[in-house]
Amino acid sequence: MPMVEEKFFTLAEVADRLKVNYRTVYRWVRSGDLSAIQFGREYRVTEADLQAFIEEHRTPRKEN
């Protein structure tokens, strides 16, 4: 069975990429807004879940 290589980000890495505070990302995960996988006390966010979160929160373009 072929392995699919998925990239995982820590909450700190997500916060750094989005230029927000770590606690903001933590709140998004705890509220269910951002999907994450929990390993013990640590969370990891897949690249696909992060992209989906970004797309969900994108503001619509203004049509002229």
PDB file of N, CA and C in Angstrom:
ATOM      1  N   MET A   1       0.849  -1.180   0.000  1.00  0.00           N
ATOM      2  CA  MET A   1       0.000   0.000   0.000  1.00  0.00           C
ATOM      3  C   MET A   1       0.895   1.243   0.000  1.00  0.00           C
ATOM      4  N   PRO A   2       0.708   2.151  -0.964  1.00  0.00           N
ATOM      5  CA  PRO A   2       1.574   3.337  -1.025  1.00  0.00           C
ATOM      6  C   PRO A   2       1.279   4.312   0.108  1.00  0.00           C
ATOM      7  N   MET A   3       2.334   4.895   0.639  1.00  0.00           N
ATOM      8  CA  MET A   3       2.199   5.879   1.709  1.00  0.00           C
ATOM      9  C   MET A   3       2.027   7.263   1.097  1.00  0.00           C
ATOM     10  N   VAL A   4       1.062   8.001   1.609  1.00  0.00           N
ATOM     11  CA  VAL A   4       0.862   9.376   1.190  1.00  0.00           C
ATOM     12  C   VAL A   4       1.597  10.258   2.188  1.00  0.00           C
ATOM     13  N   GLU A   5       2.498  11.066   1.688  1.00  0.00           N
ATOM     14  CA  GLU A   5       3.293  11.926   2.556  1.00  0.00           C
ATOM     15  C   GLU A   5       2.491  13.189   2.875  1.00  0.00           C
ATOM     16  N   GLU A   6       2.164  13.377   4.127  1.00  0.00           N
ATOM     17  CA  GLU A   6       1.393  14.546   4.583  1.00  0.00           C
ATOM     18  C   GLU A   6       2.281  15.364   5.501  1.00  0.00           C
ATOM     19  N   LYS A   7       2.263  16.675   5.317  1.00  0.00           N
ATOM     20  CA  LYS A   7       3.053  17.552   6.169  1.00  0.00           C
ATOM     21  C   LYS A   7       2.208  17.976   7.366  1.00  0.00           C
ATOM     22  N   PHE A   8       2.802  17.934   8.546  1.00  0.00           N
ATOM     23  CA  PHE A   8       2.143  18.318   9.781  1.00  0.00           C
ATOM     24  C   PHE A   8       2.823  19.546  10.364  1.00  0.00           C
ATOM     25  N   PHE A   9       2.021  20.461  10.889  1.00  0.00           N
ATOM     26  CA  PHE A   9       2.538  21.664  11.517  1.00  0.00           C
ATOM     27  C   PHE A   9       2.160  21.679  12.996  1.00  0.00           C
ATOM     28  N   THR A  10       3.069  22.164  13.843  1.00  0.00           N
ATOM     29  CA  THR A  10       2.719  22.402  15.240  1.00  0.00           C
ATOM     30  C   THR A  10       1.862  23.658  15.288  1.00  0.00           C
ATOM     31  N   LEU A  11       1.208  23.895  16.413  1.00  0.00           N
ATOM     32  CA  LEU A  11       0.407  25.108  16.548  1.00  0.00           C
ATOM     33  C   LEU A  11       1.293  26.350  16.466  1.00  0.00           C
ATOM     34  N   ALA A  12       2.509  26.264  16.978  1.00  0.00           N
ATOM     35  CA  ALA A  12       3.437  27.393  16.898  1.00  0.00           C
ATOM     36  C   ALA A  12       3.792  27.689  15.438  1.00  0.00           C
ATOM     37  N   GLU A  13       3.978  26.648  14.631  1.00  0.00           N
ATOM     38  CA  GLU A  13       4.287  26.846  13.212  1.00  0.00           C
ATOM     39  C   GLU A  13       3.100  27.455  12.471  1.00  0.00           C
ATOM     40  N   VAL A  14       1.888  27.015  12.803  1.00  0.00           N
ATOM     41  CA  VAL A  14       0.688  27.597  12.197  1.00  0.00           C
ATOM     42  C   VAL A  14       0.591  29.074  12.567  1.00  0.00           C
ATOM     43  N   ALA A  15       0.803  29.379  13.839  1.00  0.00           N
ATOM     44  CA  ALA A  15       0.745  30.767  14.296  1.00  0.00           C
ATOM     45  C   ALA A  15       1.766  31.621  13.557  1.00  0.00           C
ATOM     46  N   ASP A  16       2.961  31.099  13.372  1.00  0.00           N
ATOM     47  CA  ASP A  16       4.008  31.833  12.667  1.00  0.00           C
ATOM     48  C   ASP A  16       3.629  32.049  11.203  1.00  0.00           C
ATOM     49  N   ARG A  17       3.091  31.033  10.560  1.00  0.00           N
ATOM     50  CA  ARG A  17       2.691  31.156   9.145  1.00  0.00           C
ATOM     51  C   ARG A  17       1.582  32.171   8.955  1.00  0.00           C
ATOM     52  N   LEU A  18       0.630  32.203   9.895  1.00  0.00           N
ATOM     53  CA  LEU A  18      -0.520  33.109   9.765  1.00  0.00           C
ATOM     54  C   LEU A  18      -0.288  34.454  10.448  1.00  0.00           C
ATOM     55  N   LYS A  19       0.865  34.603  11.100  1.00  0.00           N
ATOM     56  CA  LYS A  19       1.217  35.854  11.796  1.00  0.00           C
ATOM     57  C   LYS A  19       0.182  36.212  12.865  1.00  0.00           C
ATOM     58  N   VAL A  20      -0.196  35.196  13.660  1.00  0.00           N
ATOM     59  CA  VAL A  20      -1.102  35.394  14.790  1.00  0.00           C
ATOM     60  C   VAL A  20      -0.455  34.785  16.027  1.00  0.00           C
ATOM     61  N   ASN A  21      -1.045  35.034  17.173  1.00  0.00           N
ATOM     62  CA  ASN A  21      -0.541  34.519  18.428  1.00  0.00           C
ATOM     63  C   ASN A  21      -0.849  33.024  18.547  1.00  0.00           C
ATOM     64  N   TYR A  22       0.048  32.298  19.224  1.00  0.00           N
ATOM     65  CA  TYR A  22      -0.132  30.863  19.472  1.00  0.00           C
ATOM     66  C   TYR A  22      -1.483  30.589  20.120  1.00  0.00           C
ATOM     67  N   ARG A  23      -1.881  31.421  21.092  1.00  0.00           N
ATOM     68  CA  ARG A  23      -3.133  31.207  21.816  1.00  0.00           C
ATOM     69  C   ARG A  23      -4.344  31.337  20.891  1.00  0.00           C
ATOM     70  N   THR A  24      -4.234  32.164  19.864  1.00  0.00           N
ATOM     71  CA  THR A  24      -5.313  32.294  18.886  1.00  0.00           C
ATOM     72  C   THR A  24      -5.493  30.974  18.142  1.00  0.00           C
ATOM     73  N   VAL A  25      -4.405  30.384  17.705  1.00  0.00           N
ATOM     74  CA  VAL A  25      -4.465  29.092  17.003  1.00  0.00           C
ATOM     75  C   VAL A  25      -5.007  28.023  17.939  1.00  0.00           C
ATOM     76  N   TYR A  26      -4.563  28.033  19.172  1.00  0.00           N
ATOM     77  CA  TYR A  26      -5.038  27.065  20.167  1.00  0.00           C
ATOM     78  C   TYR A  26      -6.559  27.181  20.338  1.00  0.00           C
ATOM     79  N   ARG A  27      -7.065  28.410  20.415  1.00  0.00           N
ATOM     80  CA  ARG A  27      -8.513  28.621  20.546  1.00  0.00           C
ATOM     81  C   ARG A  27      -9.257  28.106  19.319  1.00  0.00           C
ATOM     82  N   TRP A  28      -8.715  28.331  18.123  1.00  0.00           N
ATOM     83  CA  TRP A  28      -9.346  27.826  16.898  1.00  0.00           C
ATOM     84  C   TRP A  28      -9.453  26.303  16.930  1.00  0.00           C
ATOM     85  N   VAL A  29      -8.400  25.653  17.401  1.00  0.00           N
ATOM     86  CA  VAL A  29      -8.403  24.191  17.485  1.00  0.00           C
ATOM     87  C   VAL A  29      -9.411  23.728  18.526  1.00  0.00           C
ATOM     88  N   ARG A  30      -9.380  24.329  19.715  1.00  0.00           N
ATOM     89  CA  ARG A  30     -10.288  23.914  20.800  1.00  0.00           C
ATOM     90  C   ARG A  30     -11.760  24.151  20.443  1.00  0.00           C
ATOM     91  N   SER A  31     -12.041  25.198  19.650  1.00  0.00           N
ATOM     92  CA  SER A  31     -13.425  25.498  19.269  1.00  0.00           C
ATOM     93  C   SER A  31     -13.888  24.649  18.078  1.00  0.00           C
ATOM     94  N   GLY A  32     -12.946  23.969  17.412  1.00  0.00           N
ATOM     95  CA  GLY A  32     -13.293  23.152  16.258  1.00  0.00           C
ATOM     96  C   GLY A  32     -13.232  23.899  14.931  1.00  0.00           C
ATOM     97  N   ASP A  33     -12.855  25.170  14.957  1.00  0.00           N
ATOM     98  CA  ASP A  33     -12.737  25.936  13.720  1.00  0.00           C
ATOM     99  C   ASP A  33     -11.582  25.439  12.849  1.00  0.00           C
ATOM    100  N   LEU A  34     -10.508  25.007  13.482  1.00  0.00           N
ATOM    101  CA  LEU A  34      -9.334  24.492  12.776  1.00  0.00           C
ATOM    102  C   LEU A  34      -9.153  23.037  13.195  1.00  0.00           C
ATOM    103  N   SER A  35      -9.207  22.135  12.224  1.00  0.00           N
ATOM    104  CA  SER A  35      -9.034  20.708  12.512  1.00  0.00           C
ATOM    105  C   SER A  35      -7.590  20.420  12.878  1.00  0.00           C
ATOM    106  N   ALA A  36      -7.414  19.559  13.867  1.00  0.00           N
ATOM    107  CA  ALA A  36      -6.068  19.173  14.299  1.00  0.00           C
ATOM    108  C   ALA A  36      -6.113  17.744  14.822  1.00  0.00           C
ATOM    109  N   ILE A  37      -4.940  17.142  14.869  1.00  0.00           N
ATOM    110  CA  ILE A  37      -4.780  15.803  15.414  1.00  0.00           C
ATOM    111  C   ILE A  37      -4.045  15.956  16.735  1.00  0.00           C
ATOM    112  N   GLN A  38      -4.560  15.292  17.767  1.00  0.00           N
ATOM    113  CA  GLN A  38      -3.932  15.400  19.083  1.00  0.00           C
ATOM    114  C   GLN A  38      -3.124  14.148  19.372  1.00  0.00           C
ATOM    115  N   PHE A  39      -1.855  14.345  19.707  1.00  0.00           N
ATOM    116  CA  PHE A  39      -0.956  13.278  20.120  1.00  0.00           C
ATOM    117  C   PHE A  39      -0.556  13.579  21.557  1.00  0.00           C
ATOM    118  N   GLY A  40      -1.172  12.897  22.496  1.00  0.00           N
ATOM    119  CA  GLY A  40      -0.913  13.198  23.905  1.00  0.00           C
ATOM    120  C   GLY A  40      -1.411  14.603  24.200  1.00  0.00           C
ATOM    121  N   ARG A  41      -0.493  15.490  24.593  1.00  0.00           N
ATOM    122  CA  ARG A  41      -0.869  16.874  24.893  1.00  0.00           C
ATOM    123  C   ARG A  41      -0.531  17.825  23.750  1.00  0.00           C
ATOM    124  N   GLU A  42       0.009  17.291  22.671  1.00  0.00           N
ATOM    125  CA  GLU A  42       0.432  18.100  21.532  1.00  0.00           C
ATOM    126  C   GLU A  42      -0.594  18.011  20.399  1.00  0.00           C
ATOM    127  N   TYR A  43      -0.734  19.098  19.655  1.00  0.00           N
ATOM    128  CA  TYR A  43      -1.606  19.119  18.481  1.00  0.00           C
ATOM    129  C   TYR A  43      -0.753  19.280  17.233  1.00  0.00           C
ATOM    130  N   ARG A  44      -1.233  18.678  16.144  1.00  0.00           N
ATOM    131  CA  ARG A  44      -0.617  18.850  14.832  1.00  0.00           C
ATOM    132  C   ARG A  44      -1.733  19.158  13.832  1.00  0.00           C
ATOM    133  N   VAL A  45      -1.440  20.050  12.903  1.00  0.00           N
ATOM    134  CA  VAL A  45      -2.393  20.446  11.874  1.00  0.00           C
ATOM    135  C   VAL A  45      -1.816  20.026  10.530  1.00  0.00           C
ATOM    136  N   THR A  46      -2.612  19.317   9.729  1.00  0.00           N
ATOM    137  CA  THR A  46      -2.126  18.926   8.412  1.00  0.00           C
ATOM    138  C   THR A  46      -2.148  20.128   7.478  1.00  0.00           C
ATOM    139  N   GLU A  47      -1.316  20.067   6.461  1.00  0.00           N
ATOM    140  CA  GLU A  47      -1.272  21.147   5.478  1.00  0.00           C
ATOM    141  C   GLU A  47      -2.639  21.299   4.798  1.00  0.00           C
ATOM    142  N   ALA A  48      -3.311  20.184   4.517  1.00  0.00           N
ATOM    143  CA  ALA A  48      -4.626  20.231   3.881  1.00  0.00           C
ATOM    144  C   ALA A  48      -5.649  20.921   4.788  1.00  0.00           C
ATOM    145  N   ASP A  49      -5.627  20.617   6.083  1.00  0.00           N
ATOM    146  CA  ASP A  49      -6.563  21.250   7.018  1.00  0.00           C
ATOM    147  C   ASP A  49      -6.283  22.743   7.155  1.00  0.00           C
ATOM    148  N   LEU A  50      -5.011  23.120   7.130  1.00  0.00           N
ATOM    149  CA  LEU A  50      -4.663  24.537   7.220  1.00  0.00           C
ATOM    150  C   LEU A  50      -5.143  25.278   5.971  1.00  0.00           C
ATOM    151  N   GLN A  51      -4.946  24.686   4.805  1.00  0.00           N
ATOM    152  CA  GLN A  51      -5.405  25.325   3.570  1.00  0.00           C
ATOM    153  C   GLN A  51      -6.930  25.445   3.552  1.00  0.00           C
ATOM    154  N   ALA A  52      -7.634  24.424   4.025  1.00  0.00           N
ATOM    155  CA  ALA A  52      -9.102  24.474   4.089  1.00  0.00           C
ATOM    156  C   ALA A  52      -9.553  25.592   5.032  1.00  0.00           C
ATOM    157  N   PHE A  53      -8.885  25.732   6.164  1.00  0.00           N
ATOM    158  CA  PHE A  53      -9.209  26.783   7.124  1.00  0.00           C
ATOM    159  C   PHE A  53      -9.015  28.159   6.492  1.00  0.00           C
ATOM    160  N   ILE A  54      -7.916  28.332   5.788  1.00  0.00           N
ATOM    161  CA  ILE A  54      -7.634  29.611   5.129  1.00  0.00           C
ATOM    162  C   ILE A  54      -8.707  29.917   4.092  1.00  0.00           C
ATOM    163  N   GLU A  55      -9.076  28.938   3.290  1.00  0.00           N
ATOM    164  CA  GLU A  55     -10.102  29.149   2.260  1.00  0.00           C
ATOM    165  C   GLU A  55     -11.459  29.487   2.873  1.00  0.00           C
ATOM    166  N   GLU A  56     -11.805  28.838   3.975  1.00  0.00           N
ATOM    167  CA  GLU A  56     -13.077  29.110   4.662  1.00  0.00           C
ATOM    168  C   GLU A  56     -13.159  30.541   5.172  1.00  0.00           C
ATOM    169  N   HIS A  57     -12.011  31.107   5.510  1.00  0.00           N
ATOM    170  CA  HIS A  57     -11.986  32.442   6.111  1.00  0.00           C
ATOM    171  C   HIS A  57     -11.594  33.547   5.140  1.00  0.00           C
ATOM    172  N   ARG A  58     -11.472  33.174   3.886  1.00  0.00           N
ATOM    173  CA  ARG A  58     -11.135  34.172   2.861  1.00  0.00           C
ATOM    174  C   ARG A  58     -12.353  35.072   2.627  1.00  0.00           C
ATOM    175  N   THR A  59     -12.110  36.365   2.573  1.00  0.00           N
ATOM    176  CA  THR A  59     -13.203  37.300   2.312  1.00  0.00           C
ATOM    177  C   THR A  59     -13.497  37.319   0.820  1.00  0.00           C
ATOM    178  N   PRO A  60     -14.757  37.523   0.443  1.00  0.00           N
ATOM    179  CA  PRO A  60     -15.088  37.536  -0.986  1.00  0.00           C
ATOM    180  C   PRO A  60     -14.504  38.770  -1.664  1.00  0.00           C
ATOM    181  N   ARG A  61     -14.154  38.583  -2.930  1.00  0.00           N
ATOM    182  CA  ARG A  61     -13.654  39.723  -3.715  1.00  0.00           C
ATOM    183  C   ARG A  61     -14.778  40.664  -4.015  1.00  0.00           C
ATOM    184  N   LYS A  62     -14.454  41.932  -3.991  1.00  0.00           N
ATOM    185  CA  LYS A  62     -15.434  42.955  -4.311  1.00  0.00           C
ATOM    186  C   LYS A  62     -15.523  43.085  -5.837  1.00  0.00           C
ATOM    187  N   GLU A  63     -16.717  42.942  -6.355  1.00  0.00           N
ATOM    188  CA  GLU A  63     -16.945  43.081  -7.795  1.00  0.00           C
ATOM    189  C   GLU A  63     -17.218  44.541  -8.117  1.00  0.00           C
ATOM    190  N   ASN A  64     -16.617  45.062  -9.161  1.00  0.00           N
ATOM    191  CA  ASN A  64     -16.845  46.448  -9.581  1.00  0.00           C
ATOM    192  C   ASN A  64     -17.936  46.538 -10.616  1.00  0.00           C
TER     193      ASN A  64
END
